[in-house]
PDB file of N, CA and C in Angstrom:
ATOM      1  N   UNK A   1       2.428  16.873  -8.589  1.00  0.00           N
ATOM      2  CA  UNK A   1       3.126  15.968  -9.494  1.00  0.00           C
ATOM      3  C   UNK A   1       2.180  15.618 -10.643  1.00  0.00           C
ATOM      4  N   UNK A   2       2.671  15.703 -11.861  1.00  0.00           N
ATOM      5  CA  UNK A   2       1.861  15.360 -13.032  1.00  0.00           C
ATOM      6  C   UNK A   2       1.994  13.859 -13.319  1.00  0.00           C
ATOM      7  N   UNK A   3       1.058  13.305 -14.085  1.00  0.00           N
ATOM      8  CA  UNK A   3       1.201  11.895 -14.470  1.00  0.00           C
ATOM      9  C   UNK A   3       2.518  11.630 -15.202  1.00  0.00           C
ATOM     10  N   UNK A   4       2.938  12.562 -16.051  1.00  0.00           N
ATOM     11  CA  UNK A   4       4.191  12.384 -16.785  1.00  0.00           C
ATOM     12  C   UNK A   4       5.391  12.345 -15.847  1.00  0.00           C
ATOM     13  N   UNK A   5       5.400  13.212 -14.842  1.00  0.00           N
ATOM     14  CA  UNK A   5       6.486  13.219 -13.860  1.00  0.00           C
ATOM     15  C   UNK A   5       6.504  11.916 -13.054  1.00  0.00           C
ATOM     16  N   UNK A   6       5.331  11.458 -12.669  1.00  0.00           N
ATOM     17  CA  UNK A   6       5.223  10.220 -11.897  1.00  0.00           C
ATOM     18  C   UNK A   6       5.779   9.048 -12.709  1.00  0.00           C
ATOM     19  N   UNK A   7       5.373   8.945 -13.953  1.00  0.00           N
ATOM     20  CA  UNK A   7       5.838   7.860 -14.823  1.00  0.00           C
ATOM     21  C   UNK A   7       7.343   7.960 -15.051  1.00  0.00           C
ATOM     22  N   UNK A   8       7.821   9.170 -15.326  1.00  0.00           N
ATOM     23  CA  UNK A   8       9.254   9.353 -15.584  1.00  0.00           C
ATOM     24  C   UNK A   8      10.090   8.948 -14.367  1.00  0.00           C
ATOM     25  N   UNK A   9       9.596   9.213 -13.197  1.00  0.00           N
ATOM     26  CA  UNK A   9      10.337   8.871 -11.981  1.00  0.00           C
ATOM     27  C   UNK A   9      10.275   7.379 -11.676  1.00  0.00           C
ATOM     28  N   UNK A  10       9.103   6.776 -11.803  1.00  0.00           N
ATOM     29  CA  UNK A  10       8.923   5.420 -11.299  1.00  0.00           C
ATOM     30  C   UNK A  10       9.083   4.310 -12.324  1.00  0.00           C
ATOM     31  N   UNK A  11       8.929   4.603 -13.593  1.00  0.00           N
ATOM     32  CA  UNK A  11       9.082   3.536 -14.591  1.00  0.00           C
ATOM     33  C   UNK A  11      10.478   2.901 -14.560  1.00  0.00           C
ATOM     34  N   UNK A  12      11.551   3.673 -14.470  1.00  0.00           N
ATOM     35  CA  UNK A  12      12.876   3.042 -14.458  1.00  0.00           C
ATOM     36  C   UNK A  12      13.318   2.527 -13.085  1.00  0.00           C
ATOM     37  N   UNK A  13      12.546   2.793 -12.033  1.00  0.00           N
ATOM     38  CA  UNK A  13      12.974   2.424 -10.678  1.00  0.00           C
ATOM     39  C   UNK A  13      13.130   0.910 -10.552  1.00  0.00           C
ATOM     40  N   UNK A  14      14.260   0.492 -10.017  1.00  0.00           N
ATOM     41  CA  UNK A  14      14.558  -0.935  -9.831  1.00  0.00           C
ATOM     42  C   UNK A  14      15.029  -1.201  -8.403  1.00  0.00           C
ATOM     43  N   UNK A  15      14.625  -0.355  -7.483  1.00  0.00           N
ATOM     44  CA  UNK A  15      15.032  -0.483  -6.090  1.00  0.00           C
ATOM     45  C   UNK A  15      14.171  -1.515  -5.368  1.00  0.00           C
ATOM     46  N   UNK A  16      14.540  -1.830  -4.147  1.00  0.00           N
ATOM     47  CA  UNK A  16      13.777  -2.790  -3.365  1.00  0.00           C
ATOM     48  C   UNK A  16      12.461  -2.181  -2.891  1.00  0.00           C
ATOM     49  N   UNK A  17      11.576  -3.062  -2.468  1.00  0.00           N
ATOM     50  CA  UNK A  17      10.302  -2.615  -1.898  1.00  0.00           C
ATOM     51  C   UNK A  17      10.545  -1.661  -0.732  1.00  0.00           C
ATOM     52  N   UNK A  18      11.432  -2.039   0.144  1.00  0.00           N
ATOM     53  CA  UNK A  18      11.723  -1.226   1.331  1.00  0.00           C
ATOM     54  C   UNK A  18      12.257   0.159   0.941  1.00  0.00           C
ATOM     55  N   UNK A  19      13.027   0.217  -0.120  1.00  0.00           N
ATOM     56  CA  UNK A  19      13.638   1.484  -0.538  1.00  0.00           C
ATOM     57  C   UNK A  19      12.657   2.412  -1.243  1.00  0.00           C
ATOM     58  N   UNK A  20      11.553   1.887  -1.741  1.00  0.00           N
ATOM     59  CA  UNK A  20      10.658   2.714  -2.546  1.00  0.00           C
ATOM     60  C   UNK A  20       9.247   2.900  -2.009  1.00  0.00           C
ATOM     61  N   UNK A  21       8.777   2.046  -1.135  1.00  0.00           N
ATOM     62  CA  UNK A  21       7.358   2.023  -0.774  1.00  0.00           C
ATOM     63  C   UNK A  21       6.828   3.375  -0.293  1.00  0.00           C
ATOM     64  N   UNK A  22       7.462   3.957   0.708  1.00  0.00           N
ATOM     65  CA  UNK A  22       6.923   5.199   1.245  1.00  0.00           C
ATOM     66  C   UNK A  22       7.058   6.360   0.270  1.00  0.00           C
ATOM     67  N   UNK A  23       8.182   6.446  -0.405  1.00  0.00           N
ATOM     68  CA  UNK A  23       8.375   7.508  -1.385  1.00  0.00           C
ATOM     69  C   UNK A  23       7.359   7.398  -2.522  1.00  0.00           C
ATOM     70  N   UNK A  24       7.137   6.171  -2.992  1.00  0.00           N
ATOM     71  CA  UNK A  24       6.163   5.938  -4.054  1.00  0.00           C
ATOM     72  C   UNK A  24       4.766   6.349  -3.604  1.00  0.00           C
ATOM     73  N   UNK A  25       4.386   5.958  -2.391  1.00  0.00           N
ATOM     74  CA  UNK A  25       3.048   6.300  -1.902  1.00  0.00           C
ATOM     75  C   UNK A  25       2.900   7.810  -1.741  1.00  0.00           C
ATOM     76  N   UNK A  26       3.925   8.499  -1.254  1.00  0.00           N
ATOM     77  CA  UNK A  26       3.867   9.954  -1.133  1.00  0.00           C
ATOM     78  C   UNK A  26       3.690  10.608  -2.496  1.00  0.00           C
ATOM     79  N   UNK A  27       4.409  10.101  -3.496  1.00  0.00           N
ATOM     80  CA  UNK A  27       4.252  10.635  -4.851  1.00  0.00           C
ATOM     81  C   UNK A  27       2.861  10.335  -5.401  1.00  0.00           C
ATOM     82  N   UNK A  28       2.332   9.169  -5.087  1.00  0.00           N
ATOM     83  CA  UNK A  28       0.978   8.820  -5.519  1.00  0.00           C
ATOM     84  C   UNK A  28      -0.042   9.773  -4.895  1.00  0.00           C
ATOM     85  N   UNK A  29       0.139  10.095  -3.623  1.00  0.00           N
ATOM     86  CA  UNK A  29      -0.736  11.074  -2.965  1.00  0.00           C
ATOM     87  C   UNK A  29      -0.645  12.430  -3.664  1.00  0.00           C
ATOM     88  N   UNK A  30       0.570  12.855  -3.980  1.00  0.00           N
ATOM     89  CA  UNK A  30       0.757  14.136  -4.665  1.00  0.00           C
ATOM     90  C   UNK A  30       0.094  14.116  -6.040  1.00  0.00           C
ATOM     91  N   UNK A  31       0.248  13.021  -6.746  1.00  0.00           N
ATOM     92  CA  UNK A  31      -0.358  12.881  -8.069  1.00  0.00           C
ATOM     93  C   UNK A  31      -1.881  12.992  -8.002  1.00  0.00           C
ATOM     94  N   UNK A  32      -2.470  12.373  -6.985  1.00  0.00           N
ATOM     95  CA  UNK A  32      -3.928  12.333  -6.866  1.00  0.00           C
ATOM     96  C   UNK A  32      -4.512  13.491  -6.071  1.00  0.00           C
ATOM     97  N   UNK A  33      -3.639  14.360  -5.540  1.00  0.00           N
ATOM     98  CA  UNK A  33      -4.118  15.489  -4.755  1.00  0.00           C
ATOM     99  C   UNK A  33      -4.715  15.059  -3.419  1.00  0.00           C
ATOM    100  N   UNK A  34      -4.182  13.995  -2.844  1.00  0.00           N
ATOM    101  CA  UNK A  34      -4.671  13.447  -1.578  1.00  0.00           C
ATOM    102  C   UNK A  34      -3.636  13.734  -0.493  1.00  0.00           C
ATOM    103  N   UNK A  35      -4.103  14.076   0.698  1.00  0.00           N
ATOM    104  CA  UNK A  35      -3.164  14.267   1.801  1.00  0.00           C
ATOM    105  C   UNK A  35      -2.381  12.986   2.042  1.00  0.00           C
ATOM    106  N   UNK A  36      -1.098  13.124   2.341  1.00  0.00           N
ATOM    107  CA  UNK A  36      -0.277  11.953   2.674  1.00  0.00           C
ATOM    108  C   UNK A  36      -0.506  11.607   4.144  1.00  0.00           C
ATOM    109  N   UNK A  37      -0.074  10.413   4.562  1.00  0.00           N
ATOM    110  CA  UNK A  37      -0.330   9.996   5.938  1.00  0.00           C
ATOM    111  C   UNK A  37       0.197  10.949   7.013  1.00  0.00           C
ATOM    112  N   UNK A  38       1.384  11.484   6.842  1.00  0.00           N
ATOM    113  CA  UNK A  38       1.962  12.352   7.864  1.00  0.00           C
ATOM    114  C   UNK A  38       1.208  13.676   7.947  1.00  0.00           C
ATOM    115  N   UNK A  39       0.836  14.249   6.807  1.00  0.00           N
ATOM    116  CA  UNK A  39       0.082  15.508   6.809  1.00  0.00           C
ATOM    117  C   UNK A  39      -1.325  15.320   7.356  1.00  0.00           C
ATOM    118  N   UNK A  40      -1.963  14.223   6.971  1.00  0.00           N
ATOM    119  CA  UNK A  40      -3.349  13.979   7.373  1.00  0.00           C
ATOM    120  C   UNK A  40      -3.471  13.538   8.824  1.00  0.00           C
ATOM    121  N   UNK A  41      -2.534  12.733   9.289  1.00  0.00           N
ATOM    122  CA  UNK A  41      -2.628  12.143  10.626  1.00  0.00           C
ATOM    123  C   UNK A  41      -1.242  12.069  11.264  1.00  0.00           C
ATOM    124  N   UNK A  42      -0.727  13.201  11.768  1.00  0.00           N
ATOM    125  CA  UNK A  42       0.629  13.233  12.316  1.00  0.00           C
ATOM    126  C   UNK A  42       0.873  12.271  13.481  1.00  0.00           C
ATOM    127  N   UNK A  43      -0.186  11.808  14.123  1.00  0.00           N
ATOM    128  CA  UNK A  43      -0.041  10.887  15.248  1.00  0.00           C
ATOM    129  C   UNK A  43      -0.096   9.427  14.779  1.00  0.00           C
ATOM    130  N   UNK A  44      -0.634   9.195  13.601  1.00  0.00           N
ATOM    131  CA  UNK A  44      -0.706   7.837  13.057  1.00  0.00           C
ATOM    132  C   UNK A  44      -1.807   6.981  13.644  1.00  0.00           C
ATOM    133  N   UNK A  45      -2.881   7.600  14.083  1.00  0.00           N
ATOM    134  CA  UNK A  45      -3.983   6.842  14.675  1.00  0.00           C
ATOM    135  C   UNK A  45      -4.894   6.200  13.639  1.00  0.00           C
ATOM    136  N   UNK A  46      -5.043   6.836  12.448  1.00  0.00           N
ATOM    137  CA  UNK A  46      -5.981   6.308  11.460  1.00  0.00           C
ATOM    138  C   UNK A  46      -5.427   6.278  10.032  1.00  0.00           C
ATOM    139  N   UNK A  47      -4.241   6.828   9.804  1.00  0.00           N
ATOM    140  CA  UNK A  47      -3.632   6.824   8.468  1.00  0.00           C
ATOM    141  C   UNK A  47      -2.131   6.855   8.679  1.00  0.00           C
ATOM    142  N   UNK A  48      -1.458   5.762   8.335  1.00  0.00           N
ATOM    143  CA  UNK A  48      -0.042   5.690   8.667  1.00  0.00           C
ATOM    144  C   UNK A  48       0.713   4.687   7.800  1.00  0.00           C
ATOM    145  N   UNK A  49       2.022   4.833   7.794  1.00  0.00           N
ATOM    146  CA  UNK A  49       2.917   3.840   7.207  1.00  0.00           C
ATOM    147  C   UNK A  49       3.231   2.801   8.279  1.00  0.00           C
ATOM    148  N   UNK A  50       3.532   1.579   7.844  1.00  0.00           N
ATOM    149  CA  UNK A  50       4.005   0.513   8.730  1.00  0.00           C
ATOM    150  C   UNK A  50       3.094   0.298   9.941  1.00  0.00           C
ATOM    151  N   UNK A  51       1.807   0.070   9.653  1.00  0.00           N
ATOM    152  CA  UNK A  51       0.830  -0.183  10.709  1.00  0.00           C
ATOM    153  C   UNK A  51       1.056  -1.574  11.291  1.00  0.00           C
ATOM    154  N   UNK A  52       1.327  -1.647  12.582  1.00  0.00           N
ATOM    155  CA  UNK A  52       1.516  -2.929  13.249  1.00  0.00           C
ATOM    156  C   UNK A  52       0.208  -3.692  13.350  1.00  0.00           C
ATOM    157  N   UNK A  53       0.249  -4.968  13.004  1.00  0.00           N
ATOM    158  CA  UNK A  53      -0.940  -5.817  13.044  1.00  0.00           C
ATOM    159  C   UNK A  53      -0.574  -7.186  13.606  1.00  0.00           C
ATOM    160  N   UNK A  54      -1.584  -7.873  14.111  1.00  0.00           N
ATOM    161  CA  UNK A  54      -1.420  -9.257  14.531  1.00  0.00           C
ATOM    162  C   UNK A  54      -2.008 -10.129  13.441  1.00  0.00           C
ATOM    163  N   UNK A  55      -1.258 -11.118  12.991  1.00  0.00           N
ATOM    164  CA  UNK A  55      -1.697 -11.986  11.900  1.00  0.00           C
ATOM    165  C   UNK A  55      -2.595 -13.110  12.423  1.00  0.00           C
ATOM    166  N   UNK A  56      -3.504 -13.542  11.554  1.00  0.00           N
ATOM    167  CA  UNK A  56      -4.252 -14.741  11.891  1.00  0.00           C
ATOM    168  C   UNK A  56      -3.246 -15.875  11.977  1.00  0.00           C
ATOM    169  N   UNK A  57      -3.425 -16.776  12.893  1.00  0.00           N
ATOM    170  CA  UNK A  57      -2.468 -17.857  13.062  1.00  0.00           C
ATOM    171  C   UNK A  57      -1.295 -17.465  13.932  1.00  0.00           C
ATOM    172  N   UNK A  58      -1.249 -16.209  14.386  1.00  0.00           N
ATOM    173  CA  UNK A  58      -0.196 -15.758  15.283  1.00  0.00           C
ATOM    174  C   UNK A  58       0.902 -14.985  14.591  1.00  0.00           C
ATOM    175  N   UNK A  59       1.655 -14.294  15.376  1.00  0.00           N
ATOM    176  CA  UNK A  59       2.758 -13.491  14.861  1.00  0.00           C
ATOM    177  C   UNK A  59       2.324 -12.067  14.552  1.00  0.00           C
ATOM    178  N   UNK A  60       3.302 -11.235  14.353  1.00  0.00           N
ATOM    179  CA  UNK A  60       3.051  -9.829  14.063  1.00  0.00           C
ATOM    180  C   UNK A  60       3.537  -9.482  12.668  1.00  0.00           C
ATOM    181  N   UNK A  61       2.988  -8.435  12.122  1.00  0.00           N
ATOM    182  CA  UNK A  61       3.397  -7.951  10.809  1.00  0.00           C
ATOM    183  C   UNK A  61       3.125  -6.464  10.699  1.00  0.00           C
ATOM    184  N   UNK A  62       3.363  -5.936   9.517  1.00  0.00           N
ATOM    185  CA  UNK A  62       3.161  -4.514   9.271  1.00  0.00           C
ATOM    186  C   UNK A  62       2.554  -4.323   7.887  1.00  0.00           C
ATOM    187  N   UNK A  63       1.450  -3.587   7.822  1.00  0.00           N
ATOM    188  CA  UNK A  63       0.899  -3.169   6.540  1.00  0.00           C
ATOM    189  C   UNK A  63       1.715  -1.961   6.094  1.00  0.00           C
ATOM    190  N   UNK A  64       2.152  -1.945   4.841  1.00  0.00           N
ATOM    191  CA  UNK A  64       3.003  -0.849   4.363  1.00  0.00           C
ATOM    192  C   UNK A  64       2.322   0.506   4.519  1.00  0.00           C
ATOM    193  N   UNK A  65       1.041   0.582   4.166  1.00  0.00           N
ATOM    194  CA  UNK A  65       0.249   1.798   4.354  1.00  0.00           C
ATOM    195  C   UNK A  65      -1.130   1.347   4.830  1.00  0.00           C
ATOM    196  N   UNK A  66      -1.701   2.086   5.741  1.00  0.00           N
ATOM    197  CA  UNK A  66      -3.008   1.736   6.281  1.00  0.00           C
ATOM    198  C   UNK A  66      -3.808   2.988   6.539  1.00  0.00           C
ATOM    199  N   UNK A  67      -5.060   3.003   6.083  1.00  0.00           N
ATOM    200  CA  UNK A  67      -5.996   4.078   6.390  1.00  0.00           C
ATOM    201  C   UNK A  67      -7.264   3.417   6.918  1.00  0.00           C
ATOM    202  N   UNK A  68      -7.529   3.662   8.168  1.00  0.00           N
ATOM    203  CA  UNK A  68      -8.635   3.003   8.870  1.00  0.00           C
ATOM    204  C   UNK A  68      -9.944   3.126   8.094  1.00  0.00           C
ATOM    205  N   UNK A  69     -10.617   1.990   7.938  1.00  0.00           N
ATOM    206  CA  UNK A  69     -11.906   1.886   7.245  1.00  0.00           C
ATOM    207  C   UNK A  69     -11.845   2.239   5.760  1.00  0.00           C
ATOM    208  N   UNK A  70     -10.626   2.335   5.204  1.00  0.00           N
ATOM    209  CA  UNK A  70     -10.482   2.617   3.787  1.00  0.00           C
ATOM    210  C   UNK A  70      -9.650   1.565   3.079  1.00  0.00           C
ATOM    211  N   UNK A  71      -8.413   1.353   3.533  1.00  0.00           N
ATOM    212  CA  UNK A  71      -7.569   0.379   2.850  1.00  0.00           C
ATOM    213  C   UNK A  71      -6.365  -0.009   3.683  1.00  0.00           C
ATOM    214  N   UNK A  72      -5.815  -1.142   3.342  1.00  0.00           N
ATOM    215  CA  UNK A  72      -4.482  -1.552   3.763  1.00  0.00           C
ATOM    216  C   UNK A  72      -3.735  -1.809   2.464  1.00  0.00           C
ATOM    217  N   UNK A  73      -2.470  -1.455   2.418  1.00  0.00           N
ATOM    218  CA  UNK A  73      -1.709  -1.487   1.176  1.00  0.00           C
ATOM    219  C   UNK A  73      -0.407  -2.222   1.419  1.00  0.00           C
ATOM    220  N   UNK A  74      -0.115  -3.190   0.580  1.00  0.00           N
ATOM    221  CA  UNK A  74       1.146  -3.925   0.643  1.00  0.00           C
ATOM    222  C   UNK A  74       1.905  -3.700  -0.653  1.00  0.00           C
ATOM    223  N   UNK A  75       3.103  -3.238  -0.549  1.00  0.00           N
ATOM    224  CA  UNK A  75       3.955  -3.077  -1.726  1.00  0.00           C
ATOM    225  C   UNK A  75       4.728  -4.355  -1.991  1.00  0.00           C
ATOM    226  N   UNK A  76       5.011  -4.595  -3.254  1.00  0.00           N
ATOM    227  CA  UNK A  76       5.904  -5.667  -3.683  1.00  0.00           C
ATOM    228  C   UNK A  76       6.795  -5.108  -4.778  1.00  0.00           C
ATOM    229  N   UNK A  77       8.025  -5.567  -4.800  1.00  0.00           N
ATOM    230  CA  UNK A  77       8.973  -5.162  -5.833  1.00  0.00           C
ATOM    231  C   UNK A  77       8.431  -5.542  -7.209  1.00  0.00           C
ATOM    232  N   UNK A  78       8.823  -4.796  -8.230  1.00  0.00           N
ATOM    233  CA  UNK A  78       8.410  -5.110  -9.602  1.00  0.00           C
ATOM    234  C   UNK A  78       8.651  -6.574  -9.915  1.00  0.00           C
ATOM    235  N   UNK A  79       7.726  -7.151 -10.633  1.00  0.00           N
ATOM    236  CA  UNK A  79       7.789  -8.536 -11.116  1.00  0.00           C
ATOM    237  C   UNK A  79       7.644  -9.565  -9.991  1.00  0.00           C
ATOM    238  N   UNK A  80       7.254  -9.122  -8.802  1.00  0.00           N
ATOM    239  CA  UNK A  80       6.964 -10.057  -7.714  1.00  0.00           C
ATOM    240  C   UNK A  80       5.503 -10.456  -7.800  1.00  0.00           C
ATOM    241  N   UNK A  81       5.157 -11.515  -7.132  1.00  0.00           N
ATOM    242  CA  UNK A  81       3.803 -12.047  -7.160  1.00  0.00           C
ATOM    243  C   UNK A  81       2.893 -11.203  -6.267  1.00  0.00           C
ATOM    244  N   UNK A  82       1.946 -10.502  -6.874  1.00  0.00           N
ATOM    245  CA  UNK A  82       1.026  -9.675  -6.095  1.00  0.00           C
ATOM    246  C   UNK A  82       0.072 -10.516  -5.265  1.00  0.00           C
ATOM    247  N   UNK A  83      -0.082 -11.780  -5.609  1.00  0.00           N
ATOM    248  CA  UNK A  83      -0.905 -12.658  -4.779  1.00  0.00           C
ATOM    249  C   UNK A  83      -0.281 -12.839  -3.399  1.00  0.00           C
ATOM    250  N   UNK A  84       1.047 -12.738  -3.305  1.00  0.00           N
ATOM    251  CA  UNK A  84       1.710 -12.794  -1.996  1.00  0.00           C
ATOM    252  C   UNK A  84       1.290 -11.601  -1.142  1.00  0.00           C
ATOM    253  N   UNK A  85       1.182 -10.433  -1.756  1.00  0.00           N
ATOM    254  CA  UNK A  85       0.725  -9.249  -1.031  1.00  0.00           C
ATOM    255  C   UNK A  85      -0.711  -9.442  -0.569  1.00  0.00           C
ATOM    256  N   UNK A  86      -1.541 -10.000  -1.420  1.00  0.00           N
ATOM    257  CA  UNK A  86      -2.922 -10.277  -1.031  1.00  0.00           C
ATOM    258  C   UNK A  86      -2.956 -11.239   0.146  1.00  0.00           C
ATOM    259  N   UNK A  87      -2.130 -12.275   0.108  1.00  0.00           N
ATOM    260  CA  UNK A  87      -2.072 -13.220   1.214  1.00  0.00           C
ATOM    261  C   UNK A  87      -1.724 -12.536   2.524  1.00  0.00           C
ATOM    262  N   UNK A  88      -0.784 -11.618   2.478  1.00  0.00           N
ATOM    263  CA  UNK A  88      -0.426 -10.857   3.679  1.00  0.00           C
ATOM    264  C   UNK A  88      -1.622 -10.067   4.191  1.00  0.00           C
ATOM    265  N   UNK A  89      -2.302  -9.370   3.277  1.00  0.00           N
ATOM    266  CA  UNK A  89      -3.434  -8.547   3.692  1.00  0.00           C
ATOM    267  C   UNK A  89      -4.578  -9.390   4.239  1.00  0.00           C
ATOM    268  N   UNK A  90      -4.781 -10.556   3.674  1.00  0.00           N
ATOM    269  CA  UNK A  90      -5.833 -11.438   4.182  1.00  0.00           C
ATOM    270  C   UNK A  90      -5.511 -11.828   5.622  1.00  0.00           C
ATOM    271  N   UNK A  91      -4.269 -12.164   5.886  1.00  0.00           N
ATOM    272  CA  UNK A  91      -3.880 -12.530   7.257  1.00  0.00           C
ATOM    273  C   UNK A  91      -4.029 -11.338   8.206  1.00  0.00           C
ATOM    274  N   UNK A  92      -3.794 -10.131   7.710  1.00  0.00           N
ATOM    275  CA  UNK A  92      -3.971  -8.945   8.544  1.00  0.00           C
ATOM    276  C   UNK A  92      -5.456  -8.576   8.656  1.00  0.00           C
ATOM    277  N   UNK A  93      -6.141  -8.495   7.524  1.00  0.00           N
ATOM    278  CA  UNK A  93      -7.511  -7.981   7.467  1.00  0.00           C
ATOM    279  C   UNK A  93      -8.523  -8.868   8.143  1.00  0.00           C
ATOM    280  N   UNK A  94      -8.404 -10.167   7.969  1.00  0.00           N
ATOM    281  CA  UNK A  94      -9.373 -11.061   8.585  1.00  0.00           C
ATOM    282  C   UNK A  94      -9.250 -10.966  10.103  1.00  0.00           C
ATOM    283  N   UNK A  95      -8.046 -10.874  10.593  1.00  0.00           N
ATOM    284  CA  UNK A  95      -7.817 -10.745  12.028  1.00  0.00           C
ATOM    285  C   UNK A  95      -8.462  -9.459  12.546  1.00  0.00           C
ATOM    286  N   UNK A  96      -8.366  -8.411  11.751  1.00  0.00           N
ATOM    287  CA  UNK A  96      -8.939  -7.133  12.163  1.00  0.00           C
ATOM    288  C   UNK A  96     -10.419  -7.038  11.797  1.00  0.00           C
ATOM    289  N   UNK A  97     -10.939  -8.059  11.124  1.00  0.00           N
ATOM    290  CA  UNK A  97     -12.334  -8.048  10.726  1.00  0.00           C
ATOM    291  C   UNK A  97     -12.618  -7.058   9.621  1.00  0.00           C
ATOM    292  N   UNK A  98     -11.660  -6.821   8.754  1.00  0.00           N
ATOM    293  CA  UNK A  98     -11.806  -5.776   7.755  1.00  0.00           C
ATOM    294  C   UNK A  98     -11.705  -6.322   6.336  1.00  0.00           C
ATOM    295  N   UNK A  99     -12.715  -7.053   5.923  1.00  0.00           N
ATOM    296  CA  UNK A  99     -12.735  -7.555   4.555  1.00  0.00           C
ATOM    297  C   UNK A  99     -12.872  -6.413   3.553  1.00  0.00           C
ATOM    298  N   UNK A 100     -13.431  -5.288   3.980  1.00  0.00           N
ATOM    299  CA  UNK A 100     -13.564  -4.126   3.106  1.00  0.00           C
ATOM    300  C   UNK A 100     -12.193  -3.667   2.642  1.00  0.00           C
ATOM    301  N   UNK A 101     -11.213  -3.685   3.532  1.00  0.00           N
ATOM    302  CA  UNK A 101      -9.858  -3.277   3.164  1.00  0.00           C
ATOM    303  C   UNK A 101      -9.272  -4.230   2.134  1.00  0.00           C
ATOM    304  N   UNK A 102      -9.558  -5.507   2.257  1.00  0.00           N
ATOM    305  CA  UNK A 102      -9.053  -6.487   1.299  1.00  0.00           C
ATOM    306  C   UNK A 102      -9.695  -6.265  -0.068  1.00  0.00           C
ATOM    307  N   UNK A 103     -10.981  -5.970  -0.098  1.00  0.00           N
ATOM    308  CA  UNK A 103     -11.649  -5.705  -1.375  1.00  0.00           C
ATOM    309  C   UNK A 103     -11.019  -4.505  -2.068  1.00  0.00           C
ATOM    310  N   UNK A 104     -10.666  -3.474  -1.311  1.00  0.00           N
ATOM    311  CA  UNK A 104     -10.012  -2.318  -1.916  1.00  0.00           C
ATOM    312  C   UNK A 104      -8.648  -2.687  -2.466  1.00  0.00           C
ATOM    313  N   UNK A 105      -7.954  -3.596  -1.799  1.00  0.00           N
ATOM    314  CA  UNK A 105      -6.677  -4.066  -2.318  1.00  0.00           C
ATOM    315  C   UNK A 105      -6.878  -4.724  -3.679  1.00  0.00           C
ATOM    316  N   UNK A 106      -7.909  -5.546  -3.796  1.00  0.00           N
ATOM    317  CA  UNK A 106      -8.146  -6.243  -5.062  1.00  0.00           C
ATOM    318  C   UNK A 106      -8.387  -5.256  -6.195  1.00  0.00           C
ATOM    319  N   UNK A 107      -9.108  -4.187  -5.912  1.00  0.00           N
ATOM    320  CA  UNK A 107      -9.322  -3.157  -6.930  1.00  0.00           C
ATOM    321  C   UNK A 107      -7.982  -2.540  -7.312  1.00  0.00           C
ATOM    322  N   UNK A 108      -7.167  -2.189  -6.323  1.00  0.00           N
ATOM    323  CA  UNK A 108      -5.851  -1.611  -6.595  1.00  0.00           C
ATOM    324  C   UNK A 108      -4.962  -2.570  -7.357  1.00  0.00           C
ATOM    325  N   UNK A 109      -5.027  -3.850  -7.019  1.00  0.00           N
ATOM    326  CA  UNK A 109      -4.223  -4.862  -7.697  1.00  0.00           C
ATOM    327  C   UNK A 109      -4.587  -4.906  -9.186  1.00  0.00           C
ATOM    328  N   UNK A 110      -5.870  -4.850  -9.473  1.00  0.00           N
ATOM    329  CA  UNK A 110      -6.302  -4.867 -10.865  1.00  0.00           C
ATOM    330  C   UNK A 110      -5.789  -3.645 -11.607  1.00  0.00           C
ATOM    331  N   UNK A 111      -5.822  -2.476 -10.969  1.00  0.00           N
ATOM    332  CA  UNK A 111      -5.336  -1.264 -11.615  1.00  0.00           C
ATOM    333  C   UNK A 111      -3.836  -1.350 -11.878  1.00  0.00           C
ATOM    334  N   UNK A 112      -3.081  -1.867 -10.909  1.00  0.00           N
ATOM    335  CA  UNK A 112      -1.639  -1.983 -11.077  1.00  0.00           C
ATOM    336  C   UNK A 112      -1.305  -2.970 -12.198  1.00  0.00           C
ATOM    337  N   UNK A 113      -1.962  -4.120 -12.203  1.00  0.00           N
ATOM    338  CA  UNK A 113      -1.700  -5.105 -13.263  1.00  0.00           C
ATOM    339  C   UNK A 113      -2.037  -4.538 -14.631  1.00  0.00           C
ATOM    340  N   UNK A 114      -3.130  -3.770 -14.726  1.00  0.00           N
ATOM    341  CA  UNK A 114      -3.493  -3.157 -16.003  1.00  0.00           C
ATOM    342  C   UNK A 114      -2.453  -2.145 -16.460  1.00  0.00           C
ATOM    343  N   UNK A 115      -1.883  -1.412 -15.533  1.00  0.00           N
ATOM    344  CA  UNK A 115      -0.872  -0.399 -15.875  1.00  0.00           C
ATOM    345  C   UNK A 115       0.443  -1.031 -16.301  1.00  0.00           C
ATOM    346  N   UNK A 116       0.718  -2.252 -15.847  1.00  0.00           N
ATOM    347  CA  UNK A 116       1.981  -2.912 -16.183  1.00  0.00           C
ATOM    348  C   UNK A 116       1.983  -3.417 -17.630  1.00  0.00           C
ATOM    349  N   UNK A 117       0.824  -3.576 -18.203  1.00  0.00           N
ATOM    350  CA  UNK A 117       0.733  -4.128 -19.566  1.00  0.00           C
ATOM    351  C   UNK A 117       1.149  -3.140 -20.609  1.00  0.00           C
TER     352      UNK A 117
END
C-alpha cells in the first residue's frame, strides 16, 4: 500500500472505532512493510488484536492491538479525545508493569495529532 492509497482510503472514513480499528491497523502494517499480527503470530501469544488485560482498580478490558514489549495501541474514532485512549492504556500498562508500552503510545499520539493538522 502506498501513502497515497492509505490517505485516499482513510481520510474520508467516518465509521466507528470498532468498524475500522483492525482494518486500519492492517493497512498501516502494509504501508510500513511490517508483518500484521495474524501473519507474525497466528497463535496470538505476543502480537495480537483485542488483547485481554486486567485493569488497575479491577475489571477487564482489551487493548485494540498489542505487541509484547513493544506497544499497546488504543483506537479512538476521529475527533475523539486521545487522552481517553491514554487513560485506558495507563490502566492496562501499569497493571502489566509496562510503562515502555505507554511511552510508545505517547509517541504515536504525537504523530497522529501532527497528521491531523
